[in-house]
N, C-alpha and C. Protein backbone atom coordinates (compact mmCIF):
# COMPACT_ATOMS: atom_id res chain seq x y z
N UNK A 1 75.29 80.52 188.61
CA UNK A 1 75.25 79.37 187.70
C UNK A 1 76.67 79.07 187.20
N UNK A 2 77.06 77.81 187.27
CA UNK A 2 78.38 77.42 186.78
C UNK A 2 78.35 77.23 185.27
N UNK A 3 79.53 77.19 184.67
CA UNK A 3 79.60 76.93 183.23
C UNK A 3 78.97 75.58 182.88
N UNK A 4 79.18 74.59 183.74
CA UNK A 4 78.62 73.27 183.49
C UNK A 4 77.09 73.31 183.54
N UNK A 5 76.54 74.02 184.50
CA UNK A 5 75.09 74.16 184.61
C UNK A 5 74.54 74.92 183.41
N UNK A 6 75.27 75.95 183.00
CA UNK A 6 74.87 76.74 181.83
C UNK A 6 74.82 75.85 180.59
N UNK A 7 75.87 75.07 180.38
CA UNK A 7 75.94 74.19 179.21
C UNK A 7 74.83 73.16 179.23
N UNK A 8 74.53 72.64 180.41
CA UNK A 8 73.48 71.63 180.53
C UNK A 8 72.12 72.22 180.19
N UNK A 9 71.86 73.43 180.69
CA UNK A 9 70.57 74.08 180.40
C UNK A 9 70.47 74.44 178.92
N UNK A 10 71.57 74.90 178.35
CA UNK A 10 71.59 75.26 176.94
C UNK A 10 71.30 74.03 176.06
N UNK A 11 71.88 72.93 176.42
CA UNK A 11 71.68 71.70 175.64
C UNK A 11 70.29 71.11 175.82
N UNK A 12 69.69 71.37 176.99
CA UNK A 12 68.36 70.82 177.27
C UNK A 12 67.24 71.68 176.69
N UNK A 13 67.53 72.97 176.47
CA UNK A 13 66.49 73.90 175.98
C UNK A 13 67.09 74.77 174.88
N UNK A 14 66.86 74.38 173.65
CA UNK A 14 67.47 75.10 172.53
C UNK A 14 66.85 76.48 172.31
N UNK A 15 65.73 76.78 172.95
CA UNK A 15 65.10 78.10 172.82
C UNK A 15 65.47 79.04 173.97
N UNK A 16 66.31 78.57 174.87
CA UNK A 16 66.70 79.39 176.02
C UNK A 16 67.43 80.65 175.56
N UNK A 17 66.98 81.79 176.04
CA UNK A 17 67.57 83.08 175.68
C UNK A 17 67.80 83.88 176.96
N UNK A 18 68.86 83.56 177.71
CA UNK A 18 69.06 84.20 179.02
C UNK A 18 69.27 85.71 178.94
N UNK A 19 69.90 86.18 177.87
CA UNK A 19 70.10 87.61 177.73
C UNK A 19 68.79 88.34 177.48
N UNK A 20 67.97 87.77 176.63
CA UNK A 20 66.65 88.34 176.35
C UNK A 20 65.82 88.36 177.63
N UNK A 21 65.86 87.24 178.35
CA UNK A 21 65.08 87.13 179.59
C UNK A 21 65.48 88.20 180.60
N UNK A 22 66.78 88.50 180.68
CA UNK A 22 67.27 89.48 181.64
C UNK A 22 66.73 90.88 181.33
N UNK A 23 66.76 91.25 180.05
CA UNK A 23 66.23 92.56 179.64
C UNK A 23 64.73 92.62 179.93
N UNK A 24 64.04 91.57 179.56
CA UNK A 24 62.59 91.52 179.76
C UNK A 24 62.22 91.63 181.24
N UNK A 25 62.98 90.96 182.08
CA UNK A 25 62.70 90.99 183.52
C UNK A 25 62.89 92.38 184.11
N UNK A 26 63.89 93.11 183.62
CA UNK A 26 64.11 94.46 184.12
C UNK A 26 62.92 95.35 183.78
N UNK A 27 62.37 95.20 182.58
CA UNK A 27 61.23 96.05 182.20
C UNK A 27 59.93 95.57 182.84
N UNK A 28 59.85 94.30 183.17
CA UNK A 28 58.72 93.82 183.95
C UNK A 28 58.77 94.40 185.36
N UNK A 29 59.98 94.61 185.87
CA UNK A 29 60.13 95.27 187.17
C UNK A 29 59.64 96.70 187.11
N UNK A 30 59.95 97.40 186.00
CA UNK A 30 59.54 98.79 185.85
C UNK A 30 58.04 98.92 185.62
N UNK A 31 57.48 97.96 184.87
CA UNK A 31 56.07 98.04 184.48
C UNK A 31 55.36 96.74 184.83
N UNK A 32 55.22 96.45 186.11
CA UNK A 32 54.64 95.17 186.52
C UNK A 32 53.21 94.98 186.00
N UNK A 33 52.99 93.82 185.42
CA UNK A 33 51.65 93.49 184.93
C UNK A 33 51.30 94.10 183.59
N UNK A 34 52.20 94.91 183.02
CA UNK A 34 51.91 95.55 181.73
C UNK A 34 52.50 94.73 180.58
N UNK A 35 51.69 94.45 179.60
CA UNK A 35 52.14 93.70 178.44
C UNK A 35 52.65 94.69 177.38
N UNK A 36 53.91 94.57 176.97
CA UNK A 36 54.42 95.50 175.95
C UNK A 36 53.89 95.16 174.57
N UNK A 37 53.99 96.12 173.68
CA UNK A 37 53.79 95.85 172.26
C UNK A 37 55.17 95.50 171.71
N UNK A 38 55.30 94.31 171.14
CA UNK A 38 56.61 93.88 170.65
C UNK A 38 56.64 93.87 169.13
N UNK A 39 57.72 94.41 168.59
CA UNK A 39 57.96 94.39 167.14
C UNK A 39 59.23 93.59 166.89
N UNK A 40 59.11 92.48 166.21
CA UNK A 40 60.27 91.68 165.86
C UNK A 40 60.68 91.91 164.43
N UNK A 41 61.96 91.82 164.14
CA UNK A 41 62.43 91.93 162.76
C UNK A 41 62.29 90.57 162.07
N UNK A 42 62.08 90.60 160.78
CA UNK A 42 61.94 89.36 160.02
C UNK A 42 63.28 88.60 160.01
N UNK A 43 63.21 87.29 160.17
CA UNK A 43 64.43 86.48 160.23
C UNK A 43 65.32 86.70 159.01
N UNK A 44 64.71 86.74 157.83
CA UNK A 44 65.53 86.81 156.61
C UNK A 44 66.19 88.17 156.44
N UNK A 45 65.73 89.19 157.21
CA UNK A 45 66.34 90.52 157.10
C UNK A 45 67.49 90.72 158.08
N UNK A 46 67.68 89.77 159.00
CA UNK A 46 68.71 89.94 160.03
C UNK A 46 70.10 89.70 159.44
N UNK A 47 71.06 90.43 160.00
CA UNK A 47 72.42 90.40 159.48
C UNK A 47 73.02 89.00 159.48
N UNK A 48 72.67 88.20 160.49
CA UNK A 48 73.21 86.85 160.58
C UNK A 48 72.82 86.00 159.38
N UNK A 49 71.72 86.40 158.72
CA UNK A 49 71.26 85.68 157.53
C UNK A 49 71.55 86.47 156.25
N UNK A 50 72.39 87.48 156.35
CA UNK A 50 72.78 88.24 155.18
C UNK A 50 72.00 89.52 154.96
N UNK A 51 71.05 89.84 155.88
CA UNK A 51 70.27 91.06 155.76
C UNK A 51 70.96 92.26 156.39
N UNK A 52 70.21 93.34 156.55
CA UNK A 52 70.81 94.57 157.08
C UNK A 52 70.20 94.97 158.42
N UNK A 53 69.51 94.05 159.08
CA UNK A 53 68.93 94.33 160.39
C UNK A 53 69.81 93.72 161.48
N UNK A 54 70.26 94.56 162.40
CA UNK A 54 71.16 94.09 163.45
C UNK A 54 70.45 93.95 164.79
N UNK A 55 69.17 94.25 164.83
CA UNK A 55 68.38 94.07 166.04
C UNK A 55 67.34 92.99 165.80
N UNK A 56 67.04 92.22 166.85
CA UNK A 56 66.02 91.18 166.73
C UNK A 56 64.63 91.70 167.02
N UNK A 57 64.55 92.83 167.69
CA UNK A 57 63.23 93.38 167.97
C UNK A 57 63.26 94.54 168.94
N UNK A 58 62.06 95.01 169.25
CA UNK A 58 61.85 96.15 170.13
C UNK A 58 60.61 95.87 170.96
N UNK A 59 60.63 96.26 172.22
CA UNK A 59 59.43 96.23 173.04
C UNK A 59 59.07 97.66 173.42
N UNK A 60 57.78 97.97 173.36
CA UNK A 60 57.29 99.31 173.67
C UNK A 60 56.34 99.20 174.86
N UNK A 61 56.69 99.87 175.93
CA UNK A 61 55.88 99.84 177.15
C UNK A 61 55.18 101.18 177.33
N UNK A 62 53.88 101.14 177.60
CA UNK A 62 53.15 102.35 177.95
C UNK A 62 53.43 102.65 179.41
N UNK A 63 54.09 103.75 179.66
CA UNK A 63 54.51 104.08 181.03
C UNK A 63 53.34 104.42 181.94
N UNK A 64 52.21 104.80 181.33
CA UNK A 64 51.10 105.30 182.13
C UNK A 64 51.30 106.73 182.58
N UNK A 65 52.41 107.33 182.12
CA UNK A 65 52.74 108.71 182.50
C UNK A 65 52.82 109.63 181.28
N UNK A 66 52.20 109.20 180.18
CA UNK A 66 52.17 110.05 179.00
C UNK A 66 53.30 109.81 178.02
N UNK A 67 54.05 108.74 178.22
CA UNK A 67 55.10 108.44 177.25
C UNK A 67 55.24 106.94 177.04
N UNK A 68 55.82 106.59 175.90
CA UNK A 68 56.12 105.21 175.55
C UNK A 68 57.61 104.97 175.79
N UNK A 69 57.93 103.84 176.39
CA UNK A 69 59.33 103.49 176.71
C UNK A 69 59.74 102.34 175.81
N UNK A 70 60.67 102.59 174.91
CA UNK A 70 61.11 101.59 173.93
C UNK A 70 62.46 101.03 174.34
N UNK A 71 62.61 99.73 174.23
CA UNK A 71 63.89 99.07 174.49
C UNK A 71 64.21 98.15 173.32
N UNK A 72 65.49 98.12 172.93
CA UNK A 72 65.93 97.26 171.84
C UNK A 72 66.34 95.88 172.37
N UNK A 73 66.36 94.92 171.45
CA UNK A 73 66.92 93.60 171.71
C UNK A 73 67.92 93.28 170.60
N UNK A 74 69.19 93.19 170.98
CA UNK A 74 70.17 92.83 169.98
C UNK A 74 71.54 93.46 170.11
N UNK A 75 71.68 94.47 170.97
CA UNK A 75 73.00 95.04 171.20
C UNK A 75 73.78 94.19 172.21
N UNK A 76 73.06 93.45 173.03
CA UNK A 76 73.67 92.53 173.98
C UNK A 76 73.49 91.10 173.48
N UNK A 77 74.15 90.16 174.13
CA UNK A 77 74.08 88.74 173.74
C UNK A 77 72.77 88.17 174.27
N UNK A 78 71.82 87.91 173.38
CA UNK A 78 70.48 87.51 173.79
C UNK A 78 70.35 86.01 174.05
N UNK A 79 71.02 85.22 173.21
CA UNK A 79 70.76 83.78 173.19
C UNK A 79 71.90 83.00 173.85
N UNK A 80 71.58 81.78 174.24
CA UNK A 80 72.57 80.94 174.90
C UNK A 80 73.76 80.69 174.00
N UNK A 81 74.94 80.96 174.53
CA UNK A 81 76.19 80.78 173.80
C UNK A 81 77.28 80.57 174.84
N UNK A 82 77.81 79.37 174.90
CA UNK A 82 78.75 79.05 175.96
C UNK A 82 79.98 79.96 175.92
N UNK A 83 80.36 80.43 174.72
CA UNK A 83 81.52 81.32 174.61
C UNK A 83 81.25 82.67 175.26
N UNK A 84 79.97 83.05 175.35
CA UNK A 84 79.62 84.34 175.93
C UNK A 84 79.47 84.27 177.45
N UNK A 85 79.40 83.08 177.99
CA UNK A 85 79.16 82.91 179.43
C UNK A 85 80.30 83.54 180.25
N UNK A 86 79.89 84.31 181.25
CA UNK A 86 80.86 84.85 182.20
C UNK A 86 81.69 86.01 181.70
N UNK A 87 81.29 86.65 180.60
CA UNK A 87 82.04 87.78 180.07
C UNK A 87 81.90 89.02 180.95
N UNK A 88 82.80 89.98 180.74
CA UNK A 88 82.69 91.25 181.49
C UNK A 88 81.51 92.05 180.98
N UNK A 89 81.37 92.12 179.65
CA UNK A 89 80.24 92.80 179.03
C UNK A 89 79.53 91.83 178.10
N UNK A 90 78.22 91.98 178.02
CA UNK A 90 77.42 91.16 177.12
C UNK A 90 77.42 91.81 175.74
N UNK A 91 78.21 91.24 174.83
CA UNK A 91 78.42 91.78 173.48
C UNK A 91 78.82 93.24 173.57
N UNK A 92 77.98 94.20 173.12
CA UNK A 92 78.34 95.61 173.18
C UNK A 92 78.14 96.20 174.57
N UNK A 93 77.49 95.45 175.45
CA UNK A 93 77.36 95.88 176.83
C UNK A 93 76.18 96.79 177.12
N UNK A 94 75.26 96.91 176.16
CA UNK A 94 74.10 97.77 176.40
C UNK A 94 72.96 97.42 175.44
N UNK A 95 71.78 97.88 175.81
CA UNK A 95 70.66 97.97 174.90
C UNK A 95 70.24 99.44 174.87
N UNK A 96 69.68 99.86 173.75
CA UNK A 96 69.25 101.25 173.60
C UNK A 96 67.80 101.41 174.03
N UNK A 97 67.50 102.59 174.58
CA UNK A 97 66.13 102.91 174.94
C UNK A 97 65.82 104.34 174.48
N UNK A 98 64.55 104.65 174.42
CA UNK A 98 64.12 106.02 174.22
C UNK A 98 62.73 106.15 174.83
N UNK A 99 62.47 107.28 175.44
CA UNK A 99 61.16 107.57 176.01
C UNK A 99 60.51 108.65 175.14
N UNK A 100 59.41 108.31 174.52
CA UNK A 100 58.76 109.21 173.57
C UNK A 100 57.41 109.68 174.10
N UNK A 101 57.17 110.97 174.01
CA UNK A 101 55.89 111.52 174.44
C UNK A 101 54.84 111.23 173.38
N UNK A 102 54.35 110.00 173.40
CA UNK A 102 53.31 109.56 172.47
C UNK A 102 52.31 108.70 173.24
N UNK A 103 51.11 108.57 172.68
CA UNK A 103 50.05 107.83 173.36
C UNK A 103 50.02 106.36 173.00
N UNK A 104 50.55 106.00 171.83
CA UNK A 104 50.44 104.62 171.36
C UNK A 104 51.75 104.15 170.74
N UNK A 105 51.97 102.85 170.81
CA UNK A 105 53.20 102.27 170.29
C UNK A 105 53.36 102.52 168.80
N UNK A 106 52.27 102.47 168.05
CA UNK A 106 52.37 102.62 166.60
C UNK A 106 52.83 104.01 166.18
N UNK A 107 52.77 104.98 167.10
CA UNK A 107 53.27 106.32 166.80
C UNK A 107 54.79 106.40 166.94
N UNK A 108 55.41 105.30 167.35
CA UNK A 108 56.85 105.28 167.61
C UNK A 108 57.63 104.50 166.57
N UNK A 109 57.00 104.08 165.49
CA UNK A 109 57.68 103.24 164.51
C UNK A 109 58.89 103.93 163.90
N UNK A 110 58.80 105.22 163.67
CA UNK A 110 59.93 105.96 163.10
C UNK A 110 61.16 105.88 164.02
N UNK A 111 60.91 105.89 165.34
CA UNK A 111 62.01 105.85 166.30
C UNK A 111 62.69 104.48 166.27
N UNK A 112 61.92 103.44 166.02
CA UNK A 112 62.51 102.10 165.92
C UNK A 112 63.41 102.01 164.70
N UNK A 113 63.02 102.64 163.63
CA UNK A 113 63.88 102.69 162.44
C UNK A 113 65.17 103.44 162.74
N UNK A 114 65.06 104.51 163.52
CA UNK A 114 66.24 105.27 163.92
C UNK A 114 67.16 104.40 164.78
N UNK A 115 66.60 103.67 165.73
CA UNK A 115 67.40 102.78 166.58
C UNK A 115 68.06 101.69 165.74
N UNK A 116 67.34 101.21 164.73
CA UNK A 116 67.90 100.21 163.82
C UNK A 116 69.13 100.76 163.11
N UNK A 117 69.05 102.02 162.67
CA UNK A 117 70.18 102.65 161.99
C UNK A 117 71.37 102.82 162.93
N UNK A 118 71.10 103.15 164.19
CA UNK A 118 72.18 103.30 165.16
C UNK A 118 72.84 101.96 165.46
N UNK A 119 72.03 100.90 165.51
CA UNK A 119 72.60 99.56 165.71
C UNK A 119 73.47 99.17 164.53
N UNK A 120 73.00 99.45 163.33
CA UNK A 120 73.77 99.13 162.12
C UNK A 120 75.10 99.88 162.13
N UNK A 121 75.06 101.13 162.55
CA UNK A 121 76.29 101.94 162.65
C UNK A 121 77.29 101.27 163.58
N UNK A 122 76.83 100.84 164.75
CA UNK A 122 77.74 100.22 165.72
C UNK A 122 78.31 98.92 165.20
N UNK A 123 77.47 98.08 164.66
CA UNK A 123 77.93 96.77 164.20
C UNK A 123 78.87 96.87 163.00
N UNK A 124 78.65 97.84 162.13
CA UNK A 124 79.46 97.93 160.92
C UNK A 124 80.73 98.75 161.11
N UNK A 125 80.74 99.66 162.09
CA UNK A 125 81.93 100.49 162.33
C UNK A 125 82.67 100.09 163.59
N UNK A 126 82.01 99.28 164.44
CA UNK A 126 82.54 98.88 165.74
C UNK A 126 82.75 100.10 166.65
N UNK A 127 81.92 101.09 166.48
CA UNK A 127 81.92 102.26 167.36
C UNK A 127 80.63 102.24 168.16
N UNK A 128 80.78 102.06 169.46
CA UNK A 128 79.60 101.89 170.31
C UNK A 128 79.29 103.18 171.05
N UNK A 129 78.12 103.20 171.67
CA UNK A 129 77.65 104.39 172.37
C UNK A 129 77.83 104.24 173.88
N UNK A 130 78.15 105.35 174.51
CA UNK A 130 78.24 105.45 175.96
C UNK A 130 77.46 106.68 176.39
N UNK A 131 77.10 106.74 177.66
CA UNK A 131 76.42 107.92 178.18
C UNK A 131 77.34 109.13 178.06
N UNK A 132 76.73 110.29 177.76
CA UNK A 132 77.50 111.52 177.68
C UNK A 132 77.99 111.88 176.29
N UNK A 133 77.44 111.23 175.26
CA UNK A 133 77.82 111.53 173.89
C UNK A 133 76.69 112.26 173.17
N UNK A 134 77.01 112.80 172.00
CA UNK A 134 75.95 113.35 171.16
C UNK A 134 75.98 112.66 169.80
N UNK A 135 74.82 112.61 169.18
CA UNK A 135 74.69 112.02 167.85
C UNK A 135 74.09 113.09 166.96
N UNK A 136 74.92 113.66 166.11
CA UNK A 136 74.46 114.74 165.23
C UNK A 136 73.71 114.16 164.04
N UNK A 137 72.64 114.81 163.66
CA UNK A 137 71.92 114.42 162.46
C UNK A 137 72.40 115.26 161.29
N UNK A 138 71.53 115.47 160.34
CA UNK A 138 71.88 116.31 159.19
C UNK A 138 71.12 117.64 159.21
N UNK A 139 70.62 117.98 160.39
CA UNK A 139 69.92 119.26 160.55
C UNK A 139 68.43 119.19 160.29
N UNK A 140 67.94 118.02 159.87
CA UNK A 140 66.51 117.85 159.61
C UNK A 140 65.88 117.10 160.78
N UNK A 141 64.55 117.14 160.91
CA UNK A 141 63.90 116.46 162.04
C UNK A 141 64.22 114.97 162.08
N UNK A 142 64.41 114.45 163.29
CA UNK A 142 64.64 113.01 163.44
C UNK A 142 63.47 112.22 162.86
N UNK A 143 62.28 112.74 163.07
CA UNK A 143 61.10 112.11 162.48
C UNK A 143 60.88 112.73 161.11
N UNK A 144 61.33 112.04 160.12
CA UNK A 144 61.29 112.55 158.74
C UNK A 144 59.86 112.87 158.33
N UNK A 145 59.70 114.00 157.69
CA UNK A 145 58.39 114.40 157.20
C UNK A 145 57.61 115.28 158.16
N UNK A 146 58.19 115.56 159.33
CA UNK A 146 57.54 116.45 160.29
C UNK A 146 58.30 117.77 160.34
N UNK A 147 57.75 118.74 161.06
CA UNK A 147 58.43 120.03 161.21
C UNK A 147 59.04 120.17 162.61
N UNK A 148 59.33 119.03 163.24
CA UNK A 148 59.90 119.04 164.59
C UNK A 148 61.25 119.75 164.63
N UNK A 149 61.51 120.41 165.76
CA UNK A 149 62.81 121.06 165.96
C UNK A 149 63.85 120.09 166.53
N UNK A 150 63.42 118.87 166.82
CA UNK A 150 64.33 117.87 167.38
C UNK A 150 65.09 117.20 166.24
N UNK A 151 66.39 117.49 166.17
CA UNK A 151 67.19 117.07 165.01
C UNK A 151 68.38 116.19 165.36
N UNK A 152 68.68 116.03 166.64
CA UNK A 152 69.87 115.29 167.05
C UNK A 152 69.59 114.60 168.38
N UNK A 153 70.60 113.91 168.92
CA UNK A 153 70.42 113.12 170.13
C UNK A 153 71.60 113.30 171.08
N UNK A 154 71.32 113.11 172.35
CA UNK A 154 72.38 112.89 173.32
C UNK A 154 72.11 111.54 173.99
N UNK A 155 73.14 110.98 174.62
CA UNK A 155 73.00 109.68 175.27
C UNK A 155 73.19 109.82 176.77
N UNK A 156 72.32 109.14 177.53
CA UNK A 156 72.40 109.15 178.99
C UNK A 156 72.13 107.73 179.47
N UNK A 157 72.48 107.46 180.72
CA UNK A 157 72.02 106.21 181.33
C UNK A 157 70.50 106.31 181.49
N UNK A 158 69.80 105.28 181.10
CA UNK A 158 68.34 105.31 181.22
C UNK A 158 67.95 105.76 182.62
N UNK A 159 66.99 106.66 182.69
CA UNK A 159 66.64 107.27 183.97
C UNK A 159 65.89 106.33 184.90
N UNK A 160 65.44 105.17 184.40
CA UNK A 160 64.72 104.24 185.26
C UNK A 160 65.22 102.80 185.18
N UNK A 161 65.63 102.33 184.01
CA UNK A 161 66.13 100.95 183.87
C UNK A 161 67.53 100.84 184.46
N UNK A 162 67.75 99.83 185.25
CA UNK A 162 69.02 99.66 185.96
C UNK A 162 69.99 98.76 185.20
N UNK A 163 71.27 99.01 185.39
CA UNK A 163 72.32 98.17 184.80
C UNK A 163 72.18 96.74 185.32
N UNK A 164 72.34 95.78 184.40
CA UNK A 164 72.19 94.36 184.75
C UNK A 164 73.53 93.66 184.75
N UNK A 165 73.67 92.69 185.64
CA UNK A 165 74.79 91.75 185.61
C UNK A 165 74.21 90.41 185.17
N UNK A 166 74.36 90.07 183.91
CA UNK A 166 73.74 88.88 183.35
C UNK A 166 74.74 87.74 183.25
N UNK A 167 74.25 86.58 182.84
CA UNK A 167 75.13 85.42 182.64
C UNK A 167 76.19 85.69 181.58
N UNK A 168 75.92 86.65 180.71
CA UNK A 168 76.86 86.98 179.63
C UNK A 168 77.67 88.23 179.94
N UNK A 169 77.44 88.85 181.10
CA UNK A 169 78.16 90.07 181.44
C UNK A 169 77.24 91.25 181.63
N UNK A 170 77.84 92.40 181.80
CA UNK A 170 77.09 93.62 182.11
C UNK A 170 76.28 94.12 180.91
N UNK A 171 75.07 94.59 181.23
CA UNK A 171 74.21 95.23 180.22
C UNK A 171 73.70 96.54 180.81
N UNK A 172 74.09 97.65 180.20
CA UNK A 172 73.56 98.95 180.58
C UNK A 172 72.40 99.30 179.63
N UNK A 173 71.62 100.27 180.03
CA UNK A 173 70.56 100.77 179.15
C UNK A 173 70.90 102.22 178.81
N UNK A 174 71.23 102.44 177.55
CA UNK A 174 71.62 103.76 177.08
C UNK A 174 70.39 104.43 176.45
N UNK A 175 69.94 105.50 177.09
CA UNK A 175 68.75 106.20 176.64
C UNK A 175 69.13 107.31 175.67
N UNK A 176 68.44 107.33 174.53
CA UNK A 176 68.62 108.41 173.55
C UNK A 176 67.62 109.52 173.87
N UNK A 177 68.10 110.74 173.87
CA UNK A 177 67.27 111.90 174.20
C UNK A 177 67.36 112.90 173.06
N UNK A 178 66.22 113.27 172.51
CA UNK A 178 66.20 114.20 171.38
C UNK A 178 66.53 115.62 171.80
N UNK A 179 67.33 116.29 170.97
CA UNK A 179 67.70 117.69 171.24
C UNK A 179 67.52 118.53 169.98
N UNK A 180 67.52 119.85 170.16
CA UNK A 180 67.35 120.78 169.05
C UNK A 180 68.69 121.09 168.39
N UNK A 181 68.62 121.71 167.23
CA UNK A 181 69.84 122.10 166.52
C UNK A 181 70.61 123.16 167.30
N UNK A 182 69.89 124.04 168.00
CA UNK A 182 70.56 125.06 168.82
C UNK A 182 71.31 124.41 169.97
N UNK A 183 70.72 123.41 170.58
CA UNK A 183 71.39 122.69 171.67
C UNK A 183 72.61 121.94 171.15
N UNK A 184 72.47 121.34 169.97
CA UNK A 184 73.60 120.63 169.37
C UNK A 184 74.76 121.59 169.10
N UNK A 185 74.46 122.77 168.59
CA UNK A 185 75.50 123.75 168.29
C UNK A 185 76.25 124.15 169.56
N UNK A 186 75.51 124.31 170.66
CA UNK A 186 76.14 124.67 171.93
C UNK A 186 77.04 123.54 172.44
N UNK A 187 76.62 122.30 172.22
CA UNK A 187 77.42 121.15 172.65
C UNK A 187 78.69 121.04 171.81
N UNK A 188 78.56 121.28 170.50
CA UNK A 188 79.74 121.22 169.64
C UNK A 188 80.76 122.28 170.02
N UNK A 189 80.27 123.42 170.50
CA UNK A 189 81.15 124.51 170.91
C UNK A 189 81.87 124.16 172.22
N UNK A 190 81.14 123.46 173.12
CA UNK A 190 81.72 123.09 174.42
C UNK A 190 81.05 121.80 174.88
N UNK A 191 81.83 120.70 174.91
CA UNK A 191 81.26 119.41 175.27
C UNK A 191 80.69 119.39 176.69
N UNK A 192 81.17 120.28 177.55
CA UNK A 192 80.64 120.37 178.91
C UNK A 192 79.17 120.75 178.93
N UNK A 193 78.69 121.29 177.82
CA UNK A 193 77.29 121.69 177.75
C UNK A 193 76.34 120.50 177.72
N UNK A 194 76.86 119.29 177.44
CA UNK A 194 75.99 118.10 177.51
C UNK A 194 75.46 117.94 178.92
N UNK A 195 76.34 118.01 179.92
CA UNK A 195 75.90 117.85 181.30
C UNK A 195 75.00 118.99 181.73
N UNK A 196 75.33 120.20 181.29
CA UNK A 196 74.49 121.35 181.62
C UNK A 196 73.10 121.18 181.03
N UNK A 197 73.03 120.70 179.79
CA UNK A 197 71.75 120.47 179.14
C UNK A 197 70.93 119.43 179.90
N UNK A 198 71.57 118.32 180.27
CA UNK A 198 70.88 117.26 181.01
C UNK A 198 70.32 117.81 182.32
N UNK A 199 71.12 118.60 183.03
CA UNK A 199 70.67 119.15 184.31
C UNK A 199 69.48 120.07 184.13
N UNK A 200 69.51 120.90 183.10
CA UNK A 200 68.39 121.83 182.86
C UNK A 200 67.13 121.08 182.43
N UNK A 201 67.30 120.06 181.60
CA UNK A 201 66.14 119.29 181.15
C UNK A 201 65.52 118.51 182.31
N UNK A 202 66.38 117.96 183.17
CA UNK A 202 65.87 117.14 184.28
C UNK A 202 65.09 117.94 185.30
N UNK A 203 65.37 119.24 185.39
CA UNK A 203 64.61 120.08 186.33
C UNK A 203 63.13 120.10 185.96
N UNK A 204 62.85 120.05 184.67
CA UNK A 204 61.46 120.05 184.20
C UNK A 204 60.94 118.65 183.94
N UNK A 205 61.85 117.73 183.60
CA UNK A 205 61.44 116.37 183.24
C UNK A 205 62.51 115.38 183.68
N UNK A 206 62.39 114.84 184.89
CA UNK A 206 63.40 113.90 185.41
C UNK A 206 63.58 112.65 184.55
N UNK A 207 62.56 112.28 183.76
CA UNK A 207 62.64 111.08 182.94
C UNK A 207 63.28 111.33 181.57
N UNK A 208 63.56 112.59 181.25
CA UNK A 208 64.18 112.95 179.96
C UNK A 208 63.40 112.35 178.78
N UNK A 209 62.12 112.60 178.79
CA UNK A 209 61.25 112.15 177.71
C UNK A 209 61.48 113.01 176.47
N UNK A 210 61.60 112.37 175.33
CA UNK A 210 61.75 113.10 174.07
C UNK A 210 60.37 113.52 173.57
N UNK A 211 60.17 114.82 173.50
CA UNK A 211 58.92 115.39 173.00
C UNK A 211 59.21 116.02 171.65
N UNK A 212 58.76 115.36 170.60
CA UNK A 212 59.05 115.85 169.25
C UNK A 212 58.34 117.15 168.94
N UNK A 213 57.44 117.59 169.82
CA UNK A 213 56.72 118.86 169.63
C UNK A 213 57.38 119.99 170.41
N UNK A 214 58.47 119.69 171.08
CA UNK A 214 59.15 120.71 171.91
C UNK A 214 59.67 121.86 171.07
N UNK A 215 59.37 123.09 171.50
CA UNK A 215 59.84 124.29 170.80
C UNK A 215 60.97 124.98 171.56
N UNK A 216 61.03 124.73 172.86
CA UNK A 216 62.01 125.40 173.71
C UNK A 216 63.37 124.74 173.60
N UNK A 217 64.43 125.56 173.62
CA UNK A 217 65.80 125.04 173.72
C UNK A 217 66.33 125.39 175.11
N UNK A 218 67.10 124.46 175.68
CA UNK A 218 67.62 124.63 177.02
C UNK A 218 69.03 125.19 177.04
N UNK A 219 69.64 125.36 175.88
CA UNK A 219 70.98 125.96 175.78
C UNK A 219 70.94 127.11 174.77
């Protein structure tokens, strides 16, 4: 699509959201015929209107394999904007995902709040996430109010969603994977342990699903 064609389509359809469509199409490829549960943030709470929400929403797909696959909308350029056309990266260049070992979307609401906090961190500090990083918590369960041993995160390229080349630039899918405090301590001691951890976890679970009931540590 040329810039002129882009501008013409944008002017003809004020609801056109090519970035949103691209993300949605990738997940339709992963889960053909499956309707996600979508959670949108309230307009008045969004940062563009003076609120503290930096994401426009989340879609939760039932994988059919015992986990829910969540994807964010808002780290990349979602809506038509001629200035964004043809960029190398679409805004931050990624959307966040997480695969949770849960049966229903409503059991994942806490994780959406966590993703919201991570988005706020990026937008307010201009520090973005890439695969191969860790996100330390405060030593308490990621899911507040539970006795889970999962207290921190590592970042990987989503194990199933593919990198997109959109009209606004590249969009990767950065998957958050829950880890234990013992695993975090090993990573802090030696950053090379991130790759070792990923390799050990993938031997048992190639999809790197976060199981908040996990008791075993891999490091």
